[in-house]
Protein backbone atom coordinates (compact mmCIF):
# COMPACT_ATOMS: atom_id res chain seq x y z
CA MET A 1 -19.05 -16.26 8.94
CA ALA A 2 -20.91 -13.01 9.76
CA CYS A 3 -23.64 -13.48 12.51
CA ASN A 4 -26.95 -13.65 10.59
CA SER A 5 -28.63 -12.03 13.65
CA GLY A 6 -30.10 -8.63 12.55
CA THR A 7 -30.28 -7.60 16.32
CA CYS A 8 -26.68 -8.47 17.15
CA GLN A 9 -25.28 -5.31 18.29
CA SER A 10 -21.48 -6.81 18.54
CA GLY A 11 -19.88 -5.76 15.51
CA SER A 12 -19.66 -9.00 14.28
CA CYS A 13 -21.90 -9.05 11.17
CA ARG A 14 -19.49 -6.43 9.48
CA ASP A 15 -17.26 -7.33 6.86
CA GLU A 16 -14.96 -10.15 7.49
CA PHE A 17 -12.40 -8.88 5.14
CA SER A 18 -13.16 -5.40 5.05
CA ALA A 19 -9.79 -4.53 7.22
CA GLY A 20 -7.46 -1.96 5.41
CA GLU A 21 -3.58 -1.55 6.16
CA ASP A 22 -4.13 1.76 8.35
CA GLY A 23 -6.07 -0.80 10.71
CA ARG A 24 -9.16 1.60 10.42
CA LYS A 25 -12.57 -0.06 10.47
CA GLN A 26 -11.60 -3.62 11.51
CA ARG A 27 -12.71 -5.06 14.58
CA PRO A 28 -10.67 -5.31 17.47
CA VAL A 29 -9.34 -9.11 18.41
CA PRO A 30 -8.95 -10.02 22.43
CA GLU A 31 -5.71 -11.56 23.16
CA ILE A 32 -6.57 -15.40 22.24
CA GLY A 33 -5.85 -18.59 23.50
CA ASN A 34 -5.90 -17.90 27.25
CA GLY A 35 -9.12 -20.15 28.21
CA SER A 36 -11.17 -16.53 28.83
CA ASP A 37 -10.90 -14.21 26.05
CA HIS A 38 -14.76 -14.03 25.66
CA ALA A 39 -16.74 -11.26 25.94
CA SER A 40 -18.36 -10.53 29.32
CA PRO A 41 -21.85 -8.81 30.10
CA ARG A 42 -21.86 -5.12 31.15
CA ARG A 43 -22.11 -3.92 34.50
CA GLY A 44 -25.58 -4.17 35.81
CA GLU A 45 -26.46 -6.06 32.53
CA SER A 46 -27.93 -9.81 32.91
CA ILE A 47 -27.84 -12.43 30.38
CA ALA A 48 -30.44 -15.39 30.43
CA GLU A 49 -29.23 -19.09 31.08
CA GLY A 50 -28.37 -20.48 27.71
CA VAL A 51 -28.03 -16.67 25.96
CA CYS A 52 -24.98 -15.90 23.65
CA ILE A 53 -22.57 -13.51 25.46
CA LYS A 54 -21.91 -11.90 22.66
CA CYS A 55 -24.87 -10.99 20.82
CA LYS A 56 -27.30 -11.37 23.81
CA VAL A 57 -29.94 -12.62 21.65
CA ASN A 58 -29.97 -15.87 20.34
CA GLY A 59 -29.56 -19.01 22.16
CA THR A 60 -25.90 -21.20 22.81
CA ILE A 61 -24.54 -23.72 20.93
CA ALA A 62 -25.50 -26.26 24.03
CA THR A 63 -29.20 -25.07 23.68
CA THR A 64 -29.69 -25.13 20.19
CA HIS A 65 -27.65 -27.96 19.10
CA PRO A 66 -27.02 -30.33 22.09
CA ALA A 67 -26.19 -33.40 20.49
CA ILE A 68 -22.55 -31.42 19.87
CA THR A 69 -20.81 -32.13 23.50
CA GLY A 70 -17.73 -31.84 24.93
CA SER A 71 -16.05 -29.83 27.73
CA GLY A 72 -18.52 -27.36 27.90
CA GLY A 73 -16.37 -23.97 26.52
CA ASP A 74 -17.64 -22.01 23.90
CA ALA A 75 -20.96 -24.21 23.08
CA GLY A 76 -22.10 -22.74 26.75
CA ARG A 77 -21.34 -19.53 25.84
CA PHE A 78 -22.05 -18.81 22.06
CA CYS A 79 -24.61 -18.73 19.69
CA ALA A 80 -23.19 -20.56 16.48
CA ASP A 81 -22.78 -17.60 14.42
CA CYS A 82 -21.00 -15.49 16.92
CA PHE A 83 -19.11 -18.67 17.64
CA ARG A 84 -17.56 -18.88 13.78
CA SER A 85 -17.25 -15.04 13.74
CA ASN A 86 -15.02 -15.36 16.61
CA LEU A 87 -13.01 -18.16 15.31
CA PHE A 88 -12.50 -16.85 12.25
CA GLY A 89 -11.67 -14.01 13.64
CA LYS A 90 -8.60 -15.80 15.03
CA PHE A 91 -7.72 -17.02 11.63
CA ARG A 92 -8.02 -13.55 9.72
CA PHE A 93 -6.03 -11.34 12.46
CA ALA A 94 -3.21 -14.47 12.09
CA VAL A 95 -3.15 -14.09 8.65
CA THR A 96 -3.57 -10.23 8.63
CA SER A 97 -1.13 -9.32 11.51
CA ASN A 98 1.74 -11.70 10.34
CA ALA A 99 1.37 -11.02 6.28
CA MET A 100 0.89 -14.80 5.82
CA ILE A 101 -1.02 -14.29 2.27
CA SER A 102 -0.63 -11.96 -0.29
CA PRO A 103 -2.45 -11.23 -3.30
CA THR A 104 0.40 -12.23 -5.40
CA ASP A 105 0.76 -15.59 -3.74
CA ASN A 106 0.08 -19.17 -4.99
CA VAL A 107 -1.25 -21.11 -1.78
CA LEU A 108 -0.91 -24.69 -1.23
CA VAL A 109 -2.88 -25.97 1.66
CA ALA A 110 -1.75 -29.32 3.24
CA PHE A 111 -4.88 -31.46 3.44
CA SER A 112 -4.94 -34.60 5.37
CA GLY A 113 -8.31 -34.97 5.71
CA GLY A 114 -9.06 -34.09 9.68
CA SER A 115 -11.10 -31.04 11.19
CA SER A 116 -8.07 -28.93 11.17
CA SER A 117 -6.73 -29.27 7.96
CA ARG A 118 -10.32 -29.09 6.54
CA VAL A 119 -11.32 -25.66 8.61
CA ALA A 120 -8.14 -24.34 7.19
CA LEU A 121 -9.19 -25.33 3.55
CA GLN A 122 -12.47 -23.36 4.48
CA PHE A 123 -11.10 -20.25 5.41
CA VAL A 124 -8.75 -20.10 3.07
CA HIS A 125 -11.36 -20.75 0.27
CA GLU A 126 -13.77 -18.22 1.72
CA MET A 127 -10.89 -15.22 1.84
CA GLN A 128 -9.99 -16.11 -1.99
CA GLN A 129 -13.89 -16.08 -2.27
CA LYS A 130 -14.50 -12.69 -1.08
CA ALA A 131 -10.94 -11.29 -2.74
CA GLN A 132 -12.26 -12.61 -6.40
CA LYS A 133 -15.95 -10.93 -5.49
CA ASN A 134 -14.14 -8.07 -4.71
CA PHE A 135 -11.89 -8.30 -7.83
CA ASP A 136 -15.11 -8.49 -9.72
CA ALA A 137 -16.92 -5.97 -8.93
CA THR A 138 -14.22 -3.35 -9.28
CA LYS A 139 -13.66 -1.51 -12.84
CA SER A 140 -11.62 -3.27 -15.34
CA THR A 141 -9.44 -0.05 -15.06
CA GLU A 142 -8.66 -0.55 -11.56
CA ARG A 143 -7.97 -3.92 -11.26
CA VAL A 144 -4.13 -3.70 -10.02
CA LEU A 145 -4.41 -6.28 -6.81
CA PRO A 146 -4.73 -10.25 -7.98
CA VAL A 147 -6.37 -13.01 -6.56
CA PHE A 148 -4.00 -15.85 -5.10
CA ARG A 149 -4.30 -18.89 -6.27
CA VAL A 150 -5.15 -21.98 -4.06
CA GLY A 151 -4.06 -25.89 -4.33
CA VAL A 152 -4.74 -28.84 -1.99
CA ALA A 153 -2.32 -31.28 -1.18
CA TYR A 154 -2.60 -34.65 0.41
CA ILE A 155 0.35 -36.89 1.33
CA ASP A 156 0.22 -40.29 0.65
CA GLU A 157 1.69 -42.52 3.02
CA THR A 158 0.13 -45.79 2.08
CA THR A 159 4.27 -47.35 1.07
CA VAL A 160 4.63 -46.85 4.87
CA TYR A 161 1.17 -47.31 6.52
CA PRO A 162 -0.60 -49.83 4.30
CA VAL A 163 -4.43 -49.51 3.98
CA PRO A 164 -6.84 -51.63 1.75
CA SER A 165 -7.00 -50.25 -1.75
CA ASN A 166 -10.58 -49.85 -1.82
CA ASP A 167 -10.35 -47.79 1.75
CA PHE A 168 -7.63 -45.48 -0.12
CA ASP A 169 -9.29 -44.99 -3.29
CA ARG A 170 -12.72 -44.29 -1.25
CA ALA A 171 -10.83 -42.11 1.32
CA VAL A 172 -8.89 -40.04 -1.66
CA ASN A 173 -12.61 -39.62 -3.91
CA GLU A 174 -13.92 -37.68 -1.02
CA MET A 175 -11.44 -35.39 -0.58
CA GLU A 176 -11.43 -34.66 -4.42
CA LEU A 177 -15.53 -34.24 -3.57
CA ILE A 178 -14.55 -31.63 -0.69
CA VAL A 179 -12.33 -29.71 -2.74
CA SER A 180 -14.28 -29.42 -5.96
CA SER A 181 -17.02 -28.91 -4.25
CA LEU A 182 -16.15 -25.72 -3.23
CA ALA A 183 -17.55 -22.73 -5.08
CA PRO A 184 -15.14 -20.95 -7.77
CA PRO A 185 -12.19 -19.79 -8.00
CA GLU A 186 -11.29 -23.73 -8.90
CA LYS A 187 -8.71 -25.47 -6.83
CA GLN A 188 -6.28 -28.33 -8.12
CA PHE A 189 -5.86 -31.20 -6.00
CA PHE A 190 -2.69 -33.10 -5.79
CA VAL A 191 -2.22 -36.55 -4.14
CA VAL A 192 1.66 -36.55 -3.53
CA PRO A 193 3.08 -40.25 -2.71
CA THR A 194 5.78 -40.12 -0.05
CA GLU A 195 8.22 -41.48 -2.33
CA SER A 196 7.71 -39.13 -4.73
CA ILE A 197 10.70 -37.09 -2.85
CA TYR A 198 13.56 -39.70 -4.59
CA SER A 199 12.35 -39.23 -7.91
CA THR A 200 9.40 -40.15 -10.64
CA ASP A 201 10.49 -44.21 -11.33
CA PHE A 202 7.87 -44.54 -8.06
CA THR A 203 8.10 -48.71 -8.49
CA ALA A 204 11.53 -48.46 -7.58
CA GLU A 205 11.66 -46.02 -4.99
CA ARG A 206 8.70 -47.37 -2.89
CA ASP A 207 11.34 -50.03 -1.58
CA ARG A 208 14.03 -48.03 -1.06
CA LEU A 209 11.41 -45.62 1.05
CA THR A 210 10.35 -48.99 3.11
CA LYS A 211 13.78 -49.90 3.88
CA LEU A 212 14.68 -46.39 5.28
CA VAL A 213 11.89 -46.29 7.53
CA ASP A 214 12.85 -50.00 8.43
CA ALA A 215 16.13 -48.76 9.42
CA VAL A 216 15.02 -46.80 12.34
CA SER A 217 14.40 -49.16 15.09
CA ASP A 218 12.91 -46.45 17.47
CA VAL A 219 9.13 -46.01 17.19
CA THR A 220 9.07 -42.63 18.29
CA GLY A 221 12.29 -42.42 15.38
CA LYS A 222 10.02 -43.41 12.93
CA GLN A 223 7.12 -41.48 13.35
CA ASP A 224 9.37 -38.31 13.06
CA LEU A 225 11.34 -38.93 10.20
CA MET A 226 7.76 -40.11 8.08
CA LYS A 227 7.05 -36.19 9.74
CA HIS A 228 9.97 -35.01 8.41
CA LEU A 229 9.87 -36.78 4.64
CA ARG A 230 5.78 -35.60 4.72
CA MET A 231 7.42 -31.60 4.80
CA SER A 232 9.86 -32.67 1.90
CA CYS A 233 6.93 -34.20 -0.07
CA LEU A 234 5.31 -31.13 0.50
CA GLN A 235 7.74 -28.78 -0.28
CA LYS A 236 8.47 -30.83 -3.56
CA ALA A 237 5.39 -30.77 -4.39
CA ALA A 238 4.69 -26.66 -4.16
CA TYR A 239 8.06 -25.44 -5.88
CA GLU A 240 7.58 -28.10 -8.56
CA ASN A 241 4.09 -26.56 -8.94
CA GLY A 242 4.56 -22.44 -8.54
CA TYR A 243 3.32 -22.58 -5.39
CA THR A 244 5.07 -19.37 -2.92
CA LYS A 245 3.43 -20.14 0.48
CA ILE A 246 1.74 -23.64 2.32
CA VAL A 247 -0.81 -23.16 4.53
CA MET A 248 -1.12 -25.90 7.68
CA GLY A 249 -3.88 -27.00 9.60
CA THR A 250 -1.62 -26.83 12.50
CA CYS A 251 -3.49 -26.01 15.86
CA THR A 252 -2.94 -25.04 19.47
CA SER A 253 -3.34 -28.70 20.36
CA GLN A 254 -0.96 -29.83 18.15
CA ILE A 255 1.61 -27.22 18.86
CA ALA A 256 0.87 -28.06 22.59
CA CYS A 257 1.39 -31.80 22.07
CA HIS A 258 5.16 -30.79 19.58
CA VAL A 259 5.59 -28.14 23.02
CA LEU A 260 6.37 -30.91 25.51
CA GLU A 261 7.48 -33.52 23.10
CA ALA A 262 10.41 -31.25 21.60
CA THR A 263 11.34 -31.03 25.45
CA VAL A 264 11.03 -34.53 26.43
CA LYS A 265 13.50 -34.91 23.25
CA GLY A 266 15.88 -32.64 23.91
CA GLN A 267 15.01 -29.95 21.16
CA GLY A 268 14.63 -27.06 23.46
CA PHE A 269 17.35 -25.02 21.10
CA SER A 270 14.39 -25.40 18.06
CA LEU A 271 11.58 -25.67 19.49
CA ALA A 272 10.84 -21.58 19.02
CA ALA A 273 11.26 -22.09 15.27
CA ASP A 274 8.20 -24.72 14.86
CA ILE A 275 5.67 -22.75 16.71
CA GLN A 276 5.85 -19.37 15.49
CA TYR A 277 3.04 -18.27 12.72
CA VAL A 278 6.01 -17.86 9.85
CA ASP A 279 8.20 -20.43 9.03
CA ALA A 280 10.49 -19.05 5.82
CA ARG A 281 13.76 -21.61 6.60
CA TRP A 282 12.09 -23.93 4.02
CA LYS A 283 12.67 -22.91 0.51
CA ILE A 284 8.50 -22.30 0.27
CA PRO A 285 7.22 -20.48 3.46
CA VAL A 286 5.28 -22.55 5.69
CA VAL A 287 2.49 -20.54 7.39
CA LEU A 288 0.25 -21.47 10.36
CA PRO A 289 -3.13 -19.38 10.39
CA LEU A 290 -4.92 -21.86 12.73
CA ARG A 291 -2.25 -21.22 15.64
CA ASP A 292 -4.50 -20.03 18.44
CA CYS A 293 -7.31 -22.32 17.48
CA PRO A 294 -7.91 -25.23 20.10
CA SER A 295 -9.12 -28.42 18.17
CA GLU A 296 -12.27 -28.89 20.01
CA GLU A 297 -13.39 -25.56 18.43
CA LEU A 298 -12.44 -26.57 15.31
CA ASN A 299 -14.17 -30.28 15.59
CA MET A 300 -17.54 -28.19 16.60
CA LEU A 301 -16.81 -25.81 14.09
CA CYS A 302 -17.04 -28.92 11.31
CA SER A 303 -20.00 -30.56 13.19
CA LEU A 304 -22.05 -27.00 12.77
CA ASP A 305 -21.27 -26.21 9.16
CA SER A 306 -21.17 -30.35 8.16
CA LEU A 307 -17.97 -29.59 6.84
CA LYS A 308 -17.32 -33.42 6.21
CA THR A 309 -13.97 -34.73 7.05
CA VAL A 310 -12.06 -37.92 6.79
CA GLU A 311 -10.31 -39.76 9.66
CA SER A 312 -9.82 -43.20 8.03
CA LEU A 313 -6.27 -42.99 7.17
CA GLU A 314 -5.13 -41.10 9.78
CA GLN A 315 -2.25 -43.22 12.16
CA PRO A 316 -2.56 -44.02 15.87
CA ARG A 317 0.14 -41.97 17.45
CA SER A 318 2.89 -44.08 19.35
CA GLY A 319 6.22 -44.21 21.59
CA ILE A 320 6.73 -40.73 22.99
CA ASN A 321 4.38 -38.78 20.37
CA GLY A 322 1.90 -41.03 21.61
CA LEU A 323 2.14 -40.92 25.65
CA ILE A 324 2.40 -37.08 25.08
CA SER A 325 -0.86 -36.74 23.21
CA SER A 326 -2.54 -38.59 25.68
CA PHE A 327 -1.06 -36.74 28.72
CA VAL A 328 -1.98 -33.45 26.80
CA LYS A 329 -5.74 -34.63 26.28
CA LEU A 330 -6.08 -35.38 30.17
CA LEU A 331 -4.48 -31.99 31.27
CA GLN A 332 -7.44 -30.55 28.85
CA VAL A 333 -10.35 -32.74 30.20
CA GLU A 334 -8.74 -31.37 33.75
CA ASN A 335 -8.64 -27.39 32.54
CA PRO A 336 -9.97 -26.14 29.33
CA SER A 337 -7.01 -23.71 29.03
CA ARG A 338 -4.44 -25.92 29.37
CA GLU A 339 -3.46 -26.33 26.10
CA SER A 340 -3.31 -22.29 25.54
CA THR A 341 -1.23 -22.11 28.48
CA ILE A 342 1.26 -24.53 27.23
CA VAL A 343 1.33 -22.40 23.76
CA ARG A 344 1.74 -19.18 25.66
CA THR A 345 4.06 -20.16 27.74
CA ALA A 346 6.56 -21.60 24.99
CA GLY A 347 5.52 -18.27 22.99
CA LYS A 348 7.56 -16.27 24.98
CA LEU A 349 10.83 -18.25 23.30
CA THR A 350 12.80 -15.68 20.83
CA PRO A 351 11.84 -16.22 17.37
CA PHE A 352 14.66 -17.37 14.62
CA SER A 353 15.16 -14.84 12.10
CA PHE A 354 13.46 -16.95 9.62
CA ASN A 355 10.19 -16.69 11.43
CA THR A 356 9.17 -13.68 9.91
CA ALA A 357 7.20 -13.47 6.06
CA PRO A 358 9.56 -12.64 3.43
CA GLU A 359 9.45 -9.69 1.98
CA VAL A 360 9.20 -10.08 -2.15
CA GLY A 361 6.97 -7.96 -4.25
CA ASP A 362 4.73 -5.54 -3.17
CA VAL A 363 6.12 -3.97 -0.10
CA THR A 364 2.81 -2.82 1.21
CA THR A 365 1.63 -6.53 1.97
CA HIS A 366 4.20 -6.51 4.58
CA LEU A 367 2.97 -3.30 6.85
CA ALA A 368 1.38 -5.85 9.18
CA SER A 369 3.95 -7.83 9.88
CA LYS A 370 6.29 -4.93 10.39
CA ARG A 371 4.19 -3.57 12.95
CA ARG A 372 3.89 -6.72 14.62
CA GLN A 373 8.20 -7.20 14.46
CA LYS A 374 7.69 -3.99 16.49
CA LYS A 375 5.41 -4.47 18.80
CA TYR A 376 7.29 -8.45 20.07
CA ASN A 377 10.42 -6.48 19.25
CA LEU A 378 11.65 -8.70 17.24
CA LYS A 379 15.22 -7.98 15.53
CA PRO A 380 15.19 -8.08 11.63
CA ASP A 381 16.58 -10.95 9.72
CA GLU A 382 20.13 -9.16 9.15
CA SER A 383 20.97 -8.41 12.62
CA LEU A 384 20.85 -12.37 13.48
CA PRO A 385 23.46 -14.84 12.82
CA THR A 386 23.04 -17.38 9.85
CA GLU A 387 21.84 -20.38 11.20
CA SER A 388 22.90 -23.95 10.41
CA PHE A 389 20.00 -27.03 10.10
CA CYS A 390 19.83 -30.63 10.91
CA LEU A 391 20.54 -32.88 7.89
CA ILE A 392 17.67 -34.70 8.62
CA CYS A 393 14.50 -32.70 10.65
CA ASN A 394 16.11 -29.23 9.34
CA SER A 395 15.81 -28.09 12.98
CA PRO A 396 18.26 -24.69 13.89
CA LEU A 397 21.68 -25.73 15.35
CA LYS A 398 23.37 -24.32 18.16
CA LYS A 399 27.04 -25.33 16.16
CA THR A 400 27.72 -24.08 12.55
CA ASN A 401 26.76 -26.79 9.94
CA ASP A 402 29.67 -26.93 7.41
CA PHE A 403 28.52 -30.42 5.55
CA HIS A 404 28.85 -30.78 1.77
CA HIS A 405 26.88 -33.57 -0.02
CA GLY A 406 29.33 -36.88 -0.21
CA GLU A 407 31.11 -36.11 2.69
CA THR A 408 32.13 -38.65 5.82
CA HIS A 409 29.71 -40.50 7.61
CA ALA A 410 30.90 -39.01 10.73
CA GLU A 411 30.94 -35.48 9.58
CA ILE A 412 26.83 -36.65 8.42
CA TYR A 413 26.41 -37.56 12.00
CA SER A 414 27.32 -34.64 13.35
CA GLY A 415 25.61 -32.12 11.31
CA THR A 416 22.29 -33.78 12.68
CA CYS A 417 20.82 -32.54 16.01
CA SER A 418 20.73 -34.38 19.00
CA SER A 419 17.52 -35.91 18.77
CA CYS A 420 17.45 -37.54 15.02
CA GLN A 421 21.12 -38.58 16.13
CA PHE A 422 19.52 -40.27 19.35
CA GLN A 423 16.36 -41.76 17.43
CA ILE A 424 16.49 -41.97 13.82
CA LEU A 425 20.46 -42.31 13.22
CA PRO A 426 21.60 -46.06 13.22
CA LYS A 427 23.74 -46.64 16.39
CA ASP A 428 25.64 -49.00 14.41
CA ASN A 429 28.72 -46.98 12.67
CA SER A 430 28.80 -49.76 10.41
CA SER A 431 25.02 -49.26 9.26
CA MET A 432 25.91 -45.50 8.80
CA GLU A 433 26.70 -45.60 4.77
CA TYR A 434 23.79 -48.00 4.51
CA PHE A 435 21.39 -45.78 5.93
CA CYS A 436 22.66 -42.49 4.31
CA SER A 437 22.53 -44.50 0.87
CA LEU A 438 18.61 -44.46 1.50
CA LEU A 439 17.96 -40.96 2.82
CA PRO A 440 16.61 -38.60 -0.09
CA GLN A 441 19.25 -36.07 -2.06
CA SER A 442 17.28 -32.99 -0.13
CA MET A 443 17.65 -33.97 3.16
CA THR A 444 21.17 -33.42 2.62
CA THR A 445 21.20 -30.50 0.33
CA LEU A 446 18.14 -27.87 1.77
CA PRO A 447 20.86 -27.11 4.58
CA LYS A 448 23.27 -26.56 2.38
CA TYR A 449 21.02 -24.22 -0.01
CA THR A 450 19.48 -22.14 2.59
CA ASN A 451 22.85 -21.34 4.40
CA ASP A 452 24.28 -20.26 1.24
CA ASN A 453 21.54 -18.07 0.08
CA GLN A 454 21.72 -16.52 3.21
CA LYS A 455 24.89 -15.42 3.00
CA LEU A 456 24.39 -14.41 -0.22
CA LEU A 457 21.35 -11.93 0.27
CA ARG A 458 23.30 -10.39 3.52
CA GLU A 459 26.30 -9.88 1.21
CA GLN A 460 23.97 -8.57 -1.68
CA ILE A 461 21.96 -6.22 0.51
CA GLN A 462 24.84 -5.08 3.13
CA ASP A 463 25.13 -1.52 1.70
CA CYS A 464 21.79 -0.71 2.16
CA LEU A 465 21.59 -2.07 5.91
CA LEU A 466 20.89 0.46 8.69
CA SER A 467 23.37 0.30 12.18
CA GLU A 468 21.40 -0.23 15.37
CA SER A 469 22.43 3.79 15.90
CA ASP A 470 20.62 5.18 12.69
CA ASP A 471 17.26 3.38 12.37
CA GLY A 472 15.61 4.68 15.29
CA THR A 473 15.04 2.20 17.62
CA SER A 474 17.79 3.25 19.97
């Protein structure tokens, strides 16, 4: 990903992975996402038109790759090498400053075939490849840090969104080829049917899944329910195969849409939980290393590096989600910084206690995360109250959820957020029993599991906690 130009003076040619725990020799990464976070020429220094503003030597992408078009932006400012370096720098900074991936992790990359997940897979692969080279170059007596393992998972939703079998087989074969073509270390590829959330008896559960989705009359509710089922499937696949982190390719553009969607749906209280770099409310923590990367930049990188994508299986968005997506695209055309502005504005919301990387294993791997907590004045987990979660979407609730599996349907209704109550749960009370019988057990047991484990953890470490007067912060 480094610039290949021998005359580049920007420092981008240095080792992309050489940052130490003490922060020395790490290339500084500017404040990102505001649409104006690029290098500018020094005072009195002129840059010829069509020349990269970073290395000031190579031609811009718009000059050397005129076929790559868009709304301008980075294509008219950076050369291809500096653009790659800048984009990877955002990814690397997010990973290191939030302790997303440690040497002992087993990472599962959620892969849909689109440009966002394709770039996420490529960047994670390059991190793993570099770690492997460093491991091999180290003397055997000094091999103390293992190389994290990477797997790739695709969620098969054809039971709900049917596609011709030939198209599906071709798309899956292309995904397998993408994963297998990556250089060692080898990565395992999983195709996870949505109905696997129930059991291994797929034939019987396909009908159950279809009935569950058909029971939701609202178009937006159907899409939201599928999103929640998708996450549950990823969690199940990661847990059963020994993975410790799930990497999502969610980018700035997608988060900007989610911010407006959640606002319209009345999910303002839980919004902060969904847009952070780390989300550890799940049994397997979820990380978003591309949070600061707009989709336009990811699409451009795929074109520049010929990163193959598989778009044929993506489903069109409709309802509220479709309207918001179209609206954000129009805003982005008028002003290329709109998406970043939306995300930065929502980012001012106070994160939840689970929006930090869990401290397991080597404590030194979490030094960067601790520094970030101090910088942004984030409270440690033990100082915040225990959250309750929606039974359907697992969003944090304002009220305490004391739900136990098998309670009345009225209590199930009260254990969900207002968005799920309005868009997913049936309006007719007589249909509630039927609907609840179709829900996978993981949706009704996960919030209880999370709640109880947080309480148990607090009880175990209570004697070791520091008061506010003893921690040196007040």
